[in-house]
Amino acid sequence: MIMRPGQPLLLPAKPLFIWGSLLVALLLNMAPNIAGLGRAAWLPDVLAVVLVFWGVHQPRRVGIGAAFLFGLAMDVHQGALLGQHALAYTALSFLAITIHRRLLWFPVPLQAVQVLPLFIGAHAIIVLLRLLVGDLWPGWPALLPPFLEALLWPVASVVLLLPQRRAPDPDENRPL
């Protein structure tokens, strides 16, 4: 793959780190419910951000099947309509894999702008499915999470790429 100028050469991502970060994101999504606070409509979906990140950076390791399974886990945990998160995460992962080659050519702030429609679409799927089965409108705070997720994109890019930026054998003669 041709790299854009100025982009650092990254080490391969370790599968244990990839799946560990997905499990940590799942736990972060579950934390408000576990703490007894309930799921606030304005909270960002950290799992969606991490799924899109790994779908863009490692599409062969984290694909649509993983997104579906994590979506089912979220549905079971929240006691939601079985399949609503699974469908949203599957669509999100498919679109992330579809745009992954183009997205990596842009700097991180512009990537955040380009993944914003993906997050809006995923939340629209969840809200529309809830409305179709007779649930109430979650209110205007439900419009905030996609924007918060887009703001989390640069943070996720720094944190999740950090282990890949280290030098395998650093010394004075080989700065890479």
Protein backbone atom coordinates (compact mmCIF):
# COMPACT_ATOMS: atom_id res chain seq x y z
CA MET A 1 0.00 0.00 0.00
CA ILE A 2 1.29 3.44 -0.88
CA MET A 3 1.54 5.62 2.22
CA ARG A 4 0.87 9.32 2.22
CA PRO A 5 3.89 11.55 2.95
CA GLY A 6 4.66 12.11 6.62
CA GLN A 7 2.69 9.09 7.81
CA PRO A 8 4.69 7.03 10.32
CA LEU A 9 5.42 3.39 9.65
CA LEU A 10 3.35 1.32 12.08
CA LEU A 11 4.03 -2.09 13.55
CA PRO A 12 1.37 -4.75 13.05
CA ALA A 13 -1.50 -4.66 15.51
CA LYS A 14 -1.51 -7.54 17.95
CA PRO A 15 -4.77 -9.53 17.94
CA LEU A 16 -4.82 -9.62 21.74
CA PHE A 17 -4.73 -5.82 21.85
CA ILE A 18 -7.46 -5.50 19.21
CA TRP A 19 -9.88 -7.84 20.97
CA GLY A 20 -8.92 -6.48 24.38
CA SER A 21 -9.76 -2.94 23.26
CA LEU A 22 -13.12 -4.15 21.94
CA LEU A 23 -13.89 -5.85 25.26
CA VAL A 24 -12.89 -2.71 27.20
CA ALA A 25 -15.18 -0.64 24.94
CA LEU A 26 -18.01 -3.11 25.58
CA LEU A 27 -17.45 -2.77 29.32
CA LEU A 28 -17.41 1.04 29.02
CA ASN A 29 -20.78 0.86 27.26
CA MET A 30 -22.11 -1.41 29.99
CA ALA A 31 -20.70 0.60 32.89
CA PRO A 32 -23.62 3.06 33.35
CA ASN A 33 -26.13 0.21 33.50
CA ILE A 34 -23.96 -1.86 35.84
CA ALA A 35 -23.54 1.14 38.16
CA GLY A 36 -27.33 1.48 38.34
CA LEU A 37 -27.41 4.83 36.56
CA GLY A 38 -29.23 3.54 33.49
CA ARG A 39 -28.36 4.32 29.90
CA ALA A 40 -28.53 8.07 29.27
CA ALA A 41 -29.61 9.00 25.75
CA TRP A 42 -26.76 11.49 25.31
CA LEU A 43 -23.90 9.09 26.14
CA PRO A 44 -21.64 8.21 23.20
CA ASP A 45 -21.38 4.61 22.07
CA VAL A 46 -17.70 3.85 22.70
CA LEU A 47 -18.05 0.35 21.27
CA ALA A 48 -19.26 1.79 17.97
CA VAL A 49 -16.22 4.07 17.80
CA VAL A 50 -13.81 1.20 18.47
CA LEU A 51 -15.60 -1.09 15.99
CA VAL A 52 -15.33 1.55 13.28
CA PHE A 53 -11.70 2.23 14.16
CA TRP A 54 -10.68 -1.42 13.86
CA GLY A 55 -12.92 -1.86 10.81
CA VAL A 56 -10.94 0.92 9.15
CA HIS A 57 -7.47 -0.07 10.36
CA GLN A 58 -7.79 -3.88 10.51
CA PRO A 59 -10.71 -4.90 8.26
CA ARG A 60 -9.51 -8.51 7.97
CA ARG A 61 -9.45 -9.05 11.72
CA VAL A 62 -12.53 -7.14 12.86
CA GLY A 63 -15.38 -7.52 10.45
CA ILE A 64 -19.11 -7.66 10.19
CA GLY A 65 -19.41 -10.90 12.17
CA ALA A 66 -17.64 -9.41 15.19
CA ALA A 67 -19.85 -6.32 14.96
CA PHE A 68 -22.94 -8.53 14.91
CA LEU A 69 -21.82 -10.48 18.00
CA PHE A 70 -20.95 -7.34 19.95
CA GLY A 71 -24.31 -5.88 18.92
CA LEU A 72 -26.12 -8.92 20.27
CA ALA A 73 -24.15 -8.58 23.52
CA MET A 74 -25.28 -4.95 23.82
CA ASP A 75 -28.90 -5.90 23.08
CA VAL A 76 -28.89 -8.62 25.72
CA HIS A 77 -27.23 -6.38 28.29
CA GLN A 78 -29.61 -3.46 27.77
CA GLY A 79 -32.69 -5.64 27.48
CA ALA A 80 -33.38 -3.90 24.20
CA LEU A 81 -35.10 -5.22 21.11
CA LEU A 82 -32.94 -8.19 20.17
CA GLY A 83 -31.03 -7.25 17.05
CA GLN A 84 -31.27 -3.47 17.05
CA HIS A 85 -27.65 -2.90 18.06
CA ALA A 86 -26.59 -5.92 16.03
CA LEU A 87 -28.12 -4.42 12.89
CA ALA A 88 -26.71 -0.97 13.60
CA TYR A 89 -23.19 -2.28 14.35
CA THR A 90 -23.29 -4.54 11.29
CA ALA A 91 -24.22 -1.65 9.02
CA LEU A 92 -21.63 0.53 10.71
CA SER A 93 -18.92 -2.08 10.25
CA PHE A 94 -19.86 -2.68 6.62
CA LEU A 95 -19.66 1.02 5.82
CA ALA A 96 -16.38 1.40 7.73
CA ILE A 97 -14.82 -1.46 5.78
CA THR A 98 -16.19 0.02 2.56
CA ILE A 99 -14.50 3.40 3.09
CA HIS A 100 -11.34 2.22 4.89
CA ARG A 101 -8.94 2.70 1.97
CA ARG A 102 -10.13 6.21 1.22
CA LEU A 103 -10.42 7.27 4.85
CA LEU A 104 -6.79 6.52 5.72
CA TRP A 105 -5.56 9.08 3.20
CA PHE A 106 -6.96 11.94 5.28
CA PRO A 107 -5.61 13.44 8.50
CA VAL A 108 -7.40 12.39 11.68
CA PRO A 109 -9.62 15.51 12.08
CA LEU A 110 -10.97 15.06 8.56
CA GLN A 111 -11.46 11.37 9.25
CA ALA A 112 -13.69 12.36 12.16
CA VAL A 113 -15.82 14.46 9.82
CA GLN A 114 -16.11 11.55 7.40
CA VAL A 115 -17.13 8.96 10.00
CA LEU A 116 -19.80 11.28 11.44
CA PRO A 117 -22.41 10.19 8.83
CA LEU A 118 -21.71 6.56 9.73
CA PHE A 119 -22.43 7.25 13.39
CA ILE A 120 -25.55 9.25 12.50
CA GLY A 121 -26.78 6.35 10.36
CA ALA A 122 -26.17 3.79 13.13
CA HIS A 123 -28.10 5.85 15.67
CA ALA A 124 -30.87 6.45 13.13
CA ILE A 125 -31.23 2.68 12.69
CA ILE A 126 -31.54 2.17 16.43
CA VAL A 127 -34.07 4.98 16.90
CA LEU A 128 -36.15 3.95 13.88
CA LEU A 129 -36.30 0.33 15.03
CA ARG A 130 -37.38 1.43 18.47
CA LEU A 131 -40.07 3.67 17.01
CA LEU A 132 -41.29 0.88 14.70
CA VAL A 133 -41.96 -1.45 17.63
CA GLY A 134 -43.91 1.21 19.51
CA ASP A 135 -41.32 2.72 21.80
CA LEU A 136 -41.38 6.43 22.57
CA TRP A 137 -39.17 9.08 21.00
CA PRO A 138 -36.00 9.17 23.14
CA GLY A 139 -35.92 12.96 23.06
CA TRP A 140 -33.58 15.54 21.66
CA PRO A 141 -30.55 14.43 23.67
CA ALA A 142 -30.51 11.31 21.44
CA LEU A 143 -29.20 13.53 18.62
CA LEU A 144 -25.99 14.29 20.52
CA PRO A 145 -24.17 10.88 20.63
CA PRO A 146 -23.09 10.75 16.94
CA PHE A 147 -21.35 14.11 17.33
CA LEU A 148 -19.69 13.02 20.57
CA GLU A 149 -18.53 9.82 18.85
CA ALA A 150 -17.02 11.85 16.02
CA LEU A 151 -15.22 13.93 18.66
CA LEU A 152 -13.93 10.70 20.22
CA TRP A 153 -12.44 9.59 16.88
CA PRO A 154 -9.12 11.51 17.31
CA VAL A 155 -8.81 10.24 20.88
CA ALA A 156 -9.39 6.66 19.71
CA SER A 157 -6.85 7.15 16.92
CA VAL A 158 -4.15 8.24 19.34
CA VAL A 159 -4.89 5.67 22.04
CA LEU A 160 -5.44 2.64 19.80
CA LEU A 161 -2.46 3.31 17.53
CA LEU A 162 -0.09 4.00 20.42
CA PRO A 163 1.20 0.40 20.81
CA GLN A 164 1.91 0.22 17.07
CA ARG A 165 4.08 3.35 17.08
CA ARG A 166 6.82 1.98 19.33
CA ALA A 167 10.11 0.96 17.81
CA PRO A 168 10.79 -2.80 17.76
CA ASP A 169 14.57 -2.38 18.40
CA PRO A 170 15.32 1.25 19.20
CA ASP A 171 18.92 2.45 19.14
CA GLU A 172 20.84 5.57 18.10
CA ASN A 173 21.55 4.34 14.55
CA ARG A 174 18.00 3.23 13.66
CA PRO A 175 15.41 5.85 14.61
CA LEU A 176 12.56 3.86 13.04
